C-alpha atoms as a PDB file:
ATOM      1  CA  MET A   1     109.771 104.195 111.715  1.00  0.00           C
ATOM      2  CA  GLY A   2     107.665 106.924 113.234  1.00  0.00           C
ATOM      3  CA  CYS A   3     110.369 109.489 112.379  1.00  0.00           C
ATOM      4  CA  VAL A   4     110.863 108.149 108.856  1.00  0.00           C
ATOM      5  CA  ALA A   5     106.920 108.439 108.303  1.00  0.00           C
ATOM      6  CA  TRP A   6     107.060 112.062 109.728  1.00  0.00           C
ATOM      7  CA  SER A   7     110.180 113.080 107.740  1.00  0.00           C
ATOM      8  CA  LEU A   8     108.813 111.640 104.513  1.00  0.00           C
ATOM      9  CA  THR A   9     105.593 113.500 105.036  1.00  0.00           C
ATOM     10  CA  VAL A  10     107.299 116.774 105.641  1.00  0.00           C
ATOM     11  CA  TRP A  11     109.563 116.237 102.642  1.00  0.00           C
ATOM     12  CA  GLY A  12     106.574 115.594 100.392  1.00  0.00           C
ATOM     13  CA  ARG A  13     104.708 118.831 101.480  1.00  0.00           C
ATOM     14  CA  ALA A  14     107.641 120.995 101.348  1.00  0.00           C
ATOM     15  CA  TYR A  15     108.781 119.700  97.965  1.00  0.00           C
ATOM     16  CA  CYS A  16     105.271 120.302  96.333  1.00  0.00           C
ATOM     17  CA  ASP A  17     104.575 123.411  98.526  1.00  0.00           C
ATOM     18  CA  ALA A  18     101.241 122.050  99.304  1.00  0.00           C
ATOM     19  CA  GLY A  19      99.997 122.547 102.828  1.00  0.00           C
ATOM     20  CA  TYR A  20     103.372 123.574 104.051  1.00  0.00           C
ATOM     21  CA  ASP A  21     102.101 127.104 105.348  1.00  0.00           C
ATOM     22  CA  ALA A  22     102.233 128.102 108.890  1.00  0.00           C
ATOM     23  CA  GLY A  23      99.301 126.084 109.522  1.00  0.00           C
ATOM     24  CA  GLY A  24     100.750 122.869 107.831  1.00  0.00           C
ATOM     25  CA  ARG A  25     103.818 123.211 109.569  1.00  0.00           C
ATOM     26  CA  PHE A  26     102.160 123.542 113.094  1.00  0.00           C
ATOM     27  CA  GLU A  27     100.073 120.475 112.075  1.00  0.00           C
ATOM     28  CA  LEU A  28     103.035 118.371 111.320  1.00  0.00           C
ATOM     29  CA  ASN A  29     104.892 119.408 114.248  1.00  0.00           C
ATOM     30  CA  PHE A  30     101.899 118.653 116.519  1.00  0.00           C
ATOM     31  CA  LEU A  31     101.703 115.015 114.903  1.00  0.00           C
ATOM     32  CA  LEU A  32     105.378 114.139 115.303  1.00  0.00           C
ATOM     33  CA  PRO A  33     105.070 112.695 118.847  1.00  0.00           C
ATOM     34  CA  LEU A  34     101.763 111.218 117.980  1.00  0.00           C
ATOM     35  CA  VAL A  35     103.179 109.520 114.986  1.00  0.00           C
ATOM     36  CA  VAL A  36     106.247 108.321 116.770  1.00  0.00           C
ATOM     37  CA  GLY A  37     104.183 106.983 119.594  1.00  0.00           C
ATOM     38  CA  ALA A  38     101.714 105.250 117.297  1.00  0.00           C
ATOM     39  CA  GLU A  39     104.399 103.588 115.383  1.00  0.00           C
ATOM     40  CA  ALA A  40     105.978 102.253 118.756  1.00  0.00           C
ATOM     41  CA  LEU A  41     102.795 101.110 119.767  1.00  0.00           C
ATOM     42  CA  VAL A  42     101.825  99.258 116.653  1.00  0.00           C
ATOM     43  CA  GLY A  43     105.175  97.642 116.691  1.00  0.00           C
ATOM     44  CA  LEU A  44     104.879  96.349 120.250  1.00  0.00           C
ATOM     45  CA  VAL A  45     101.327  95.145 119.640  1.00  0.00           C
ATOM     46  CA  ALA A  46     102.525  93.431 116.337  1.00  0.00           C
ATOM     47  CA  ARG A  47     105.381  91.744 118.266  1.00  0.00           C
ATOM     48  CA  ALA A  48     103.028  90.364 120.987  1.00  0.00           C
ATOM     49  CA  ILE A  49     100.471  89.003 118.517  1.00  0.00           C
ATOM     50  CA  GLY A  50     103.355  87.326 116.636  1.00  0.00           C
ATOM     51  CA  ARG A  51     104.713  85.730 119.876  1.00  0.00           C
ATOM     52  CA  ARG A  52     101.001  84.569 120.808  1.00  0.00           C
ATOM     53  CA  LEU A  53     100.199  83.159 117.282  1.00  0.00           C
ATOM     54  CA  VAL A  54     102.778  80.260 117.603  1.00  0.00           C
ATOM     55  CA  PRO A  55     103.580  79.714 121.341  1.00  0.00           C
ATOM     56  CA  ARG A  56     104.912  76.286 120.909  1.00  0.00           C
ATOM     57  CA  ALA A  57     106.952  76.706 117.713  1.00  0.00           C
ATOM     58  CA  PRO A  58     110.820  76.883 117.917  1.00  0.00           C
ATOM     59  CA  THR A  59     112.306  80.114 118.907  1.00  0.00           C
ATOM     60  CA  ALA A  60     113.637  80.926 115.408  1.00  0.00           C
ATOM     61  CA  VAL A  61     110.145  80.652 113.897  1.00  0.00           C
ATOM     62  CA  ARG A  62     108.473  82.823 116.759  1.00  0.00           C
ATOM     63  CA  ALA A  63     111.183  85.540 116.478  1.00  0.00           C
ATOM     64  CA  SER A  64     110.982  85.683 112.676  1.00  0.00           C
ATOM     65  CA  LEU A  65     107.112  85.972 112.741  1.00  0.00           C
ATOM     66  CA  SER A  66     107.084  88.586 115.214  1.00  0.00           C
ATOM     67  CA  THR A  67     109.766  90.509 113.077  1.00  0.00           C
ATOM     68  CA  LEU A  68     107.876  90.130 109.894  1.00  0.00           C
ATOM     69  CA  LEU A  69     104.659  91.321 111.585  1.00  0.00           C
ATOM     70  CA  VAL A  70     106.426  94.333 113.189  1.00  0.00           C
ATOM     71  CA  VAL A  71     107.905  95.299 109.840  1.00  0.00           C
ATOM     72  CA  VAL A  72     104.792  94.894 107.824  1.00  0.00           C
ATOM     73  CA  ALA A  73     102.701  96.850 110.513  1.00  0.00           C
ATOM     74  CA  THR A  74     104.919  99.691 110.894  1.00  0.00           C
ATOM     75  CA  VAL A  75     105.621 100.207 107.256  1.00  0.00           C
ATOM     76  CA  TRP A  76     101.899 100.002 106.371  1.00  0.00           C
ATOM     77  CA  LEU A  77     101.169 102.697 109.090  1.00  0.00           C
ATOM     78  CA  ALA A  78     104.046 104.802 107.678  1.00  0.00           C
ATOM     79  CA  TRP A  79     102.799 104.535 104.132  1.00  0.00           C
ATOM     80  CA  TRP A  80      99.138 105.306 105.158  1.00  0.00           C
ATOM     81  CA  PHE A  81     100.420 108.394 106.985  1.00  0.00           C
ATOM     82  CA  PHE A  82     102.439 109.545 104.149  1.00  0.00           C
ATOM     83  CA  ALA A  83      99.502 109.089 101.630  1.00  0.00           C
ATOM     84  CA  THR A  84      96.929 110.713 103.780  1.00  0.00           C
ATOM     85  CA  ARG A  85      99.027 113.637 105.237  1.00  0.00           C
ATOM     86  CA  GLY A  86     102.038 113.888 102.912  1.00  0.00           C
ATOM     87  CA  ALA A  87     100.432 114.041  99.392  1.00  0.00           C
ATOM     88  CA  LEU A  88      97.364 116.193  99.695  1.00  0.00           C
ATOM     89  CA  ASP A  89      95.428 115.507  96.668  1.00  0.00           C
ATOM     90  CA  GLY A  90      93.806 118.569  94.954  1.00  0.00           C
ATOM     91  CA  TYR A  91      95.424 120.994  97.443  1.00  0.00           C
ATOM     92  CA  PRO A  92      96.966 123.893  95.511  1.00  0.00           C
ATOM     93  CA  SER A  93     100.649 123.454  95.050  1.00  0.00           C
ATOM     94  CA  ASP A  94     102.969 126.565  94.704  1.00  0.00           C
ATOM     95  CA  SER A  95     106.242 125.081  93.719  1.00  0.00           C
ATOM     96  CA  GLY A  96     104.960 123.893  90.209  1.00  0.00           C
ATOM     97  CA  LEU A  97     107.239 120.836  90.616  1.00  0.00           C
ATOM     98  CA  CYS A  98     104.331 118.361  91.231  1.00  0.00           C
ATOM     99  CA  PRO A  99     101.119 117.342  89.490  1.00  0.00           C
ATOM    100  CA  VAL A 100      97.620 118.047  90.997  1.00  0.00           C
ATOM    101  CA  SER A 101      97.820 114.887  93.034  1.00  0.00           C
ATOM    102  CA  ASN A 102     100.792 116.482  94.945  1.00  0.00           C
ATOM    103  CA  VAL A 103     102.789 113.175  94.710  1.00  0.00           C
ATOM    104  CA  GLN A 104     106.523 113.975  94.002  1.00  0.00           C
ATOM    105  CA  PRO A 105     107.942 112.735  90.629  1.00  0.00           C
ATOM    106  CA  SER A 106     110.540 110.802  92.574  1.00  0.00           C
ATOM    107  CA  TRP A 107     107.820 108.691  94.231  1.00  0.00           C
ATOM    108  CA  PRO A 108     107.951 105.164  92.551  1.00  0.00           C
ATOM    109  CA  GLU A 109     104.759 104.608  90.530  1.00  0.00           C
ATOM    110  CA  TRP A 110     104.250 101.068  91.663  1.00  0.00           C
ATOM    111  CA  ILE A 111     103.565 102.184  95.333  1.00  0.00           C
ATOM    112  CA  PRO A 112     100.047 103.664  95.581  1.00  0.00           C
ATOM    113  CA  VAL A 113      99.406 106.982  97.182  1.00  0.00           C
END
């Protein structure tokens, strides 16, 4: 999920050409291992919390709760990273393909950024 979040962020910046100059690419490349590590850590912590919440439940319930928490936590973190680093609101866009908010037209409107 960390690689997906990072790729989505890079794609968003490159498409709108907002913050994709040399400094922006350096920032994103610097953040790649941090994002991947953070996503892995969040997933492990969510799994541990899910297993601790229902210690005496059947195995299927414990596994499904852990899985649900991992998915929700990692997707939320990926969405937050894209919203804060991938769509730079108000940053001058050079491509002319995006509005001032730098959210790509292909982004679903029902997912807030």
